[in-house]
């Protein structure tokens, strides 16, 4: 290669380094299949990590993720939902004290916890891929907020339930759900253990009230929970008493 070629190559390397570098756990690249992750899911995690480290963007939008992945918003949203449901990532809410602005950021503690547990298993010669609640940073099934429901639900049923709920909510809202909204639904199902028909009835009540947003639906579910409303039939009776002033 002549001097000009070396100069061009060097300039290219310099330009690339000046644009920043993202640090990716090698264990993630090496063992992602043992964690049950698909290649596209790993790539999405890498992009989320890169946005944080290089761009200082803690919560990239679907449009930003589309630009770097070349994939559809629906595909990205679906994978984000799965990563959150499987405990690899979560979403933290915070407030900028100086500006008084609410903002969200992705939390990767679940991913790091799973990687750490897997590496410990491999080091000890154990068979990897145990139960979900063996990984630190992942809330065990049955853990609920105060006033929530704790009845056990088979894992397969939970997944099917969540998929149907996501679809119904997207149809009612007339748009794809945001990652934060997906995590809210997952929290109702996985942590609070609200029955599916109760969640759907709360959605119906929000439509009836003309307040179709997640905070209003969450308030309805919490109100029902505090008043021992555990089924859709209980909710209907409670709503009838409320509207007739018979509380």
Protein backbone atom coordinates (compact mmCIF):
# COMPACT_ATOMS: atom_id res chain seq x y z
CA UNK A 1 0.00 0.00 0.00
CA UNK A 2 1.45 3.42 -0.94
CA UNK A 3 1.74 6.40 1.37
CA UNK A 4 -1.50 7.87 0.20
CA UNK A 5 -3.28 4.64 0.98
CA UNK A 6 -1.86 4.57 4.49
CA UNK A 7 -2.87 8.19 4.99
CA UNK A 8 -6.43 7.44 3.88
CA UNK A 9 -6.61 4.37 6.11
CA UNK A 10 -5.21 6.30 9.05
CA UNK A 11 -7.60 9.15 8.51
CA UNK A 12 -10.45 6.67 8.41
CA UNK A 13 -9.38 5.10 11.71
CA UNK A 14 -8.96 8.53 13.29
CA UNK A 15 -12.40 9.62 12.12
CA UNK A 16 -13.94 6.43 13.49
CA UNK A 17 -12.28 6.83 16.90
CA UNK A 18 -13.33 10.46 17.12
CA UNK A 19 -16.94 9.39 16.64
CA UNK A 20 -16.77 7.41 19.88
CA UNK A 21 -16.58 3.79 20.99
CA UNK A 22 -19.15 1.67 22.82
CA UNK A 23 -18.09 -0.96 25.36
CA UNK A 24 -20.07 -4.18 24.92
CA UNK A 25 -19.77 -7.09 27.41
CA UNK A 26 -17.97 -9.90 25.62
CA UNK A 27 -20.01 -12.41 27.60
CA UNK A 28 -23.14 -11.06 25.89
CA UNK A 29 -21.67 -11.66 22.43
CA UNK A 30 -20.35 -15.08 23.38
CA UNK A 31 -23.25 -16.49 25.37
CA UNK A 32 -26.39 -14.69 24.19
CA UNK A 33 -27.87 -17.90 22.80
CA UNK A 34 -27.57 -19.56 26.22
CA UNK A 35 -29.73 -16.72 27.54
CA UNK A 36 -32.37 -17.43 24.90
CA UNK A 37 -31.71 -14.26 22.93
CA UNK A 38 -31.99 -13.98 19.16
CA UNK A 39 -29.33 -12.20 17.13
CA UNK A 40 -31.64 -9.27 16.38
CA UNK A 41 -32.43 -8.88 20.08
CA UNK A 42 -28.72 -8.77 20.94
CA UNK A 43 -28.17 -6.17 18.23
CA UNK A 44 -30.96 -4.07 19.69
CA UNK A 45 -29.37 -4.29 23.15
CA UNK A 46 -26.03 -3.25 21.64
CA UNK A 47 -27.65 -0.21 20.02
CA UNK A 48 -29.30 0.76 23.31
CA UNK A 49 -25.94 0.51 25.09
CA UNK A 50 -24.24 2.49 22.31
CA UNK A 51 -26.83 5.26 22.42
CA UNK A 52 -26.17 5.66 26.15
CA UNK A 53 -22.37 5.52 25.98
CA UNK A 54 -21.68 7.43 22.77
CA UNK A 55 -24.70 9.67 22.19
CA UNK A 56 -25.61 10.21 25.87
CA UNK A 57 -29.18 9.21 24.96
CA UNK A 58 -30.66 7.06 27.72
CA UNK A 59 -34.04 6.51 26.06
CA UNK A 60 -33.78 6.51 22.24
CA UNK A 61 -37.04 6.83 20.35
CA UNK A 62 -38.39 4.21 17.97
CA UNK A 63 -37.45 6.54 15.10
CA UNK A 64 -33.84 6.71 16.29
CA UNK A 65 -33.70 2.93 16.63
CA UNK A 66 -35.23 2.53 13.18
CA UNK A 67 -32.51 4.74 11.71
CA UNK A 68 -29.66 2.58 13.06
CA UNK A 69 -31.27 -0.84 12.63
CA UNK A 70 -33.18 -0.36 9.37
CA UNK A 71 -36.11 -2.28 10.84
CA UNK A 72 -39.77 -1.40 11.24
CA UNK A 73 -41.14 0.31 14.34
CA UNK A 74 -43.44 -2.66 14.94
CA UNK A 75 -40.53 -5.14 14.91
CA UNK A 76 -38.44 -2.99 17.25
CA UNK A 77 -41.39 -2.40 19.59
CA UNK A 78 -42.10 -6.13 19.72
CA UNK A 79 -38.51 -6.96 20.64
CA UNK A 80 -38.41 -4.24 23.30
CA UNK A 81 -41.57 -5.71 24.80
CA UNK A 82 -39.99 -9.17 24.86
CA UNK A 83 -36.73 -7.92 26.37
CA UNK A 84 -38.68 -6.16 29.12
CA UNK A 85 -40.96 -9.11 29.78
CA UNK A 86 -37.99 -11.50 29.99
CA UNK A 87 -36.25 -9.19 32.45
CA UNK A 88 -33.27 -8.10 30.34
CA UNK A 89 -34.16 -4.41 30.50
CA UNK A 90 -36.58 -2.20 32.38
CA UNK A 91 -37.48 1.48 32.27
CA UNK A 92 -36.74 3.92 35.07
CA UNK A 93 -38.55 7.22 35.48
CA UNK A 94 -36.75 10.21 36.99
CA UNK A 95 -36.96 13.99 37.31
CA UNK A 96 -34.31 16.53 36.36
CA UNK A 97 -34.27 18.67 39.52
CA UNK A 98 -32.79 21.67 37.75
CA UNK A 99 -35.18 21.69 34.80
CA UNK A 100 -38.14 20.00 36.48
CA UNK A 101 -38.53 17.64 33.52
CA UNK A 102 -39.68 14.04 33.74
CA UNK A 103 -37.61 11.62 31.70
CA UNK A 104 -37.13 7.89 31.20
CA UNK A 105 -34.03 5.75 30.80
CA UNK A 106 -33.38 2.09 30.08
CA UNK A 107 -32.07 0.05 33.01
CA UNK A 108 -29.73 -2.82 32.11
CA UNK A 109 -29.37 -4.35 35.59
CA UNK A 110 -31.48 -7.35 34.54
CA UNK A 111 -29.15 -8.05 31.61
CA UNK A 112 -26.04 -7.77 33.77
CA UNK A 113 -27.62 -9.91 36.46
CA UNK A 114 -28.46 -12.65 33.99
CA UNK A 115 -24.96 -12.54 32.49
CA UNK A 116 -23.41 -12.71 35.95
CA UNK A 117 -25.55 -15.67 36.97
CA UNK A 118 -24.79 -17.48 33.72
CA UNK A 119 -21.04 -16.95 34.07
CA UNK A 120 -21.19 -18.21 37.65
CA UNK A 121 -22.99 -21.35 36.47
CA UNK A 122 -20.48 -21.92 33.71
CA UNK A 123 -17.58 -21.38 36.12
CA UNK A 124 -19.07 -23.91 38.52
CA UNK A 125 -19.71 -26.37 35.71
CA UNK A 126 -23.48 -26.19 36.20
CA UNK A 127 -25.99 -26.49 33.40
CA UNK A 128 -27.03 -22.96 32.33
CA UNK A 129 -30.54 -21.83 31.56
CA UNK A 130 -32.32 -22.27 34.86
CA UNK A 131 -35.50 -20.65 36.09
CA UNK A 132 -36.05 -16.96 35.59
CA UNK A 133 -36.15 -16.22 39.33
CA UNK A 134 -32.56 -17.50 39.70
CA UNK A 135 -31.28 -14.32 38.08
CA UNK A 136 -30.75 -11.27 40.30
CA UNK A 137 -32.42 -8.07 39.20
CA UNK A 138 -35.49 -9.89 37.88
CA UNK A 139 -38.66 -9.69 39.93
CA UNK A 140 -39.94 -13.18 40.80
CA UNK A 141 -43.38 -14.25 39.66
CA UNK A 142 -46.00 -13.45 42.26
CA UNK A 143 -44.32 -10.28 43.58
CA UNK A 144 -46.98 -7.59 43.57
CA UNK A 145 -47.54 -3.98 44.54
CA UNK A 146 -49.52 -3.23 47.66
CA UNK A 147 -53.13 -4.10 46.91
CA UNK A 148 -52.28 -6.25 43.89
CA UNK A 149 -53.16 -9.85 43.12
CA UNK A 150 -50.81 -12.74 43.82
CA UNK A 151 -52.60 -15.75 42.35
CA UNK A 152 -50.20 -18.02 40.48
CA UNK A 153 -50.54 -18.03 36.69
CA UNK A 154 -48.72 -20.53 34.42
CA UNK A 155 -45.88 -18.92 32.47
CA UNK A 156 -47.35 -19.91 29.10
CA UNK A 157 -50.69 -18.42 30.02
CA UNK A 158 -48.99 -15.17 31.10
CA UNK A 159 -47.21 -14.83 27.75
CA UNK A 160 -50.37 -15.52 25.76
CA UNK A 161 -52.31 -13.10 27.94
CA UNK A 162 -49.78 -10.31 27.50
CA UNK A 163 -49.66 -10.74 23.73
CA UNK A 164 -53.45 -10.43 23.47
CA UNK A 165 -53.49 -7.43 25.79
CA UNK A 166 -50.81 -5.62 23.78
CA UNK A 167 -52.82 -6.15 20.59
CA UNK A 168 -56.12 -5.01 22.12
CA UNK A 169 -54.57 -1.89 23.63
CA UNK A 170 -52.83 -0.99 20.36
CA UNK A 171 -56.12 -1.41 18.51
CA UNK A 172 -57.99 0.75 21.04
CA UNK A 173 -55.28 3.45 21.05
CA UNK A 174 -54.97 3.28 17.25
CA UNK A 175 -51.16 3.21 17.31
CA UNK A 176 -48.18 1.08 18.42
CA UNK A 177 -47.56 1.18 22.16
CA UNK A 178 -44.46 2.87 23.50
CA UNK A 179 -41.92 0.81 25.50
CA UNK A 180 -43.09 2.53 28.69
CA UNK A 181 -46.72 1.60 27.97
CA UNK A 182 -45.69 -1.99 27.23
CA UNK A 183 -43.88 -2.18 30.57
CA UNK A 184 -46.99 -0.84 32.32
CA UNK A 185 -49.13 -3.64 30.87
CA UNK A 186 -46.45 -6.20 31.76
CA UNK A 187 -46.46 -4.85 35.31
CA UNK A 188 -50.21 -5.28 35.61
CA UNK A 189 -49.91 -8.89 34.47
CA UNK A 190 -46.61 -10.05 35.98
CA UNK A 191 -46.35 -8.05 39.19
CA UNK A 192 -49.89 -7.03 40.16
CA UNK A 193 -51.50 -10.22 38.83
CA UNK A 194 -54.60 -8.44 37.59
CA UNK A 195 -56.79 -10.85 35.58
CA UNK A 196 -56.96 -10.13 31.86
CA UNK A 197 -60.69 -9.49 31.84
CA UNK A 198 -60.29 -6.99 34.68
CA UNK A 199 -57.62 -5.06 32.75
CA UNK A 200 -59.80 -5.01 29.65
CA UNK A 201 -62.77 -3.80 31.69
CA UNK A 202 -60.62 -0.97 33.08
CA UNK A 203 -59.70 -0.06 29.51
CA UNK A 204 -63.40 -0.04 28.63
CA UNK A 205 -64.14 2.21 31.61
CA UNK A 206 -61.46 4.66 30.48
CA UNK A 207 -63.01 4.78 27.02
CA UNK A 208 -66.45 5.35 28.59
CA UNK A 209 -65.01 8.23 30.65
CA UNK A 210 -63.22 9.71 27.64
CA UNK A 211 -59.85 9.39 29.40
CA UNK A 212 -57.99 6.79 27.35
CA UNK A 213 -54.55 6.97 28.87
CA UNK A 214 -52.51 4.61 31.02
CA UNK A 215 -52.43 6.61 34.24
CA UNK A 216 -56.22 6.74 34.34
CA UNK A 217 -56.48 2.99 33.69
CA UNK A 218 -53.91 2.31 36.40
CA UNK A 219 -55.90 4.43 38.87
CA UNK A 220 -59.03 2.42 38.06
CA UNK A 221 -57.21 -0.88 38.71
CA UNK A 222 -55.74 0.38 41.99
CA UNK A 223 -59.14 1.67 43.13
CA UNK A 224 -60.70 -1.71 42.41
CA UNK A 225 -57.87 -3.52 44.15
CA UNK A 226 -58.26 -1.44 47.32
CA UNK A 227 -61.99 -2.23 47.35
CA UNK A 228 -61.47 -6.00 46.98
CA UNK A 229 -62.63 -6.06 43.37
CA UNK A 230 -61.03 -9.23 42.01
CA UNK A 231 -63.12 -10.22 38.98
CA UNK A 232 -64.83 -8.50 36.08
CA UNK A 233 -68.19 -9.29 37.68
CA UNK A 234 -67.07 -7.62 40.93
CA UNK A 235 -65.95 -4.59 38.91
CA UNK A 236 -69.29 -4.31 37.13
CA UNK A 237 -71.18 -4.39 40.44
CA UNK A 238 -68.77 -1.90 42.01
CA UNK A 239 -69.10 0.47 39.03
CA UNK A 240 -72.90 0.25 39.14
CA UNK A 241 -72.93 1.10 42.86
CA UNK A 242 -70.49 3.96 42.27
CA UNK A 243 -72.57 5.48 39.46
CA UNK A 244 -75.79 5.17 41.45
CA UNK A 245 -74.20 6.80 44.50
CA UNK A 246 -74.45 3.62 46.56
CA UNK A 247 -70.80 3.34 47.61
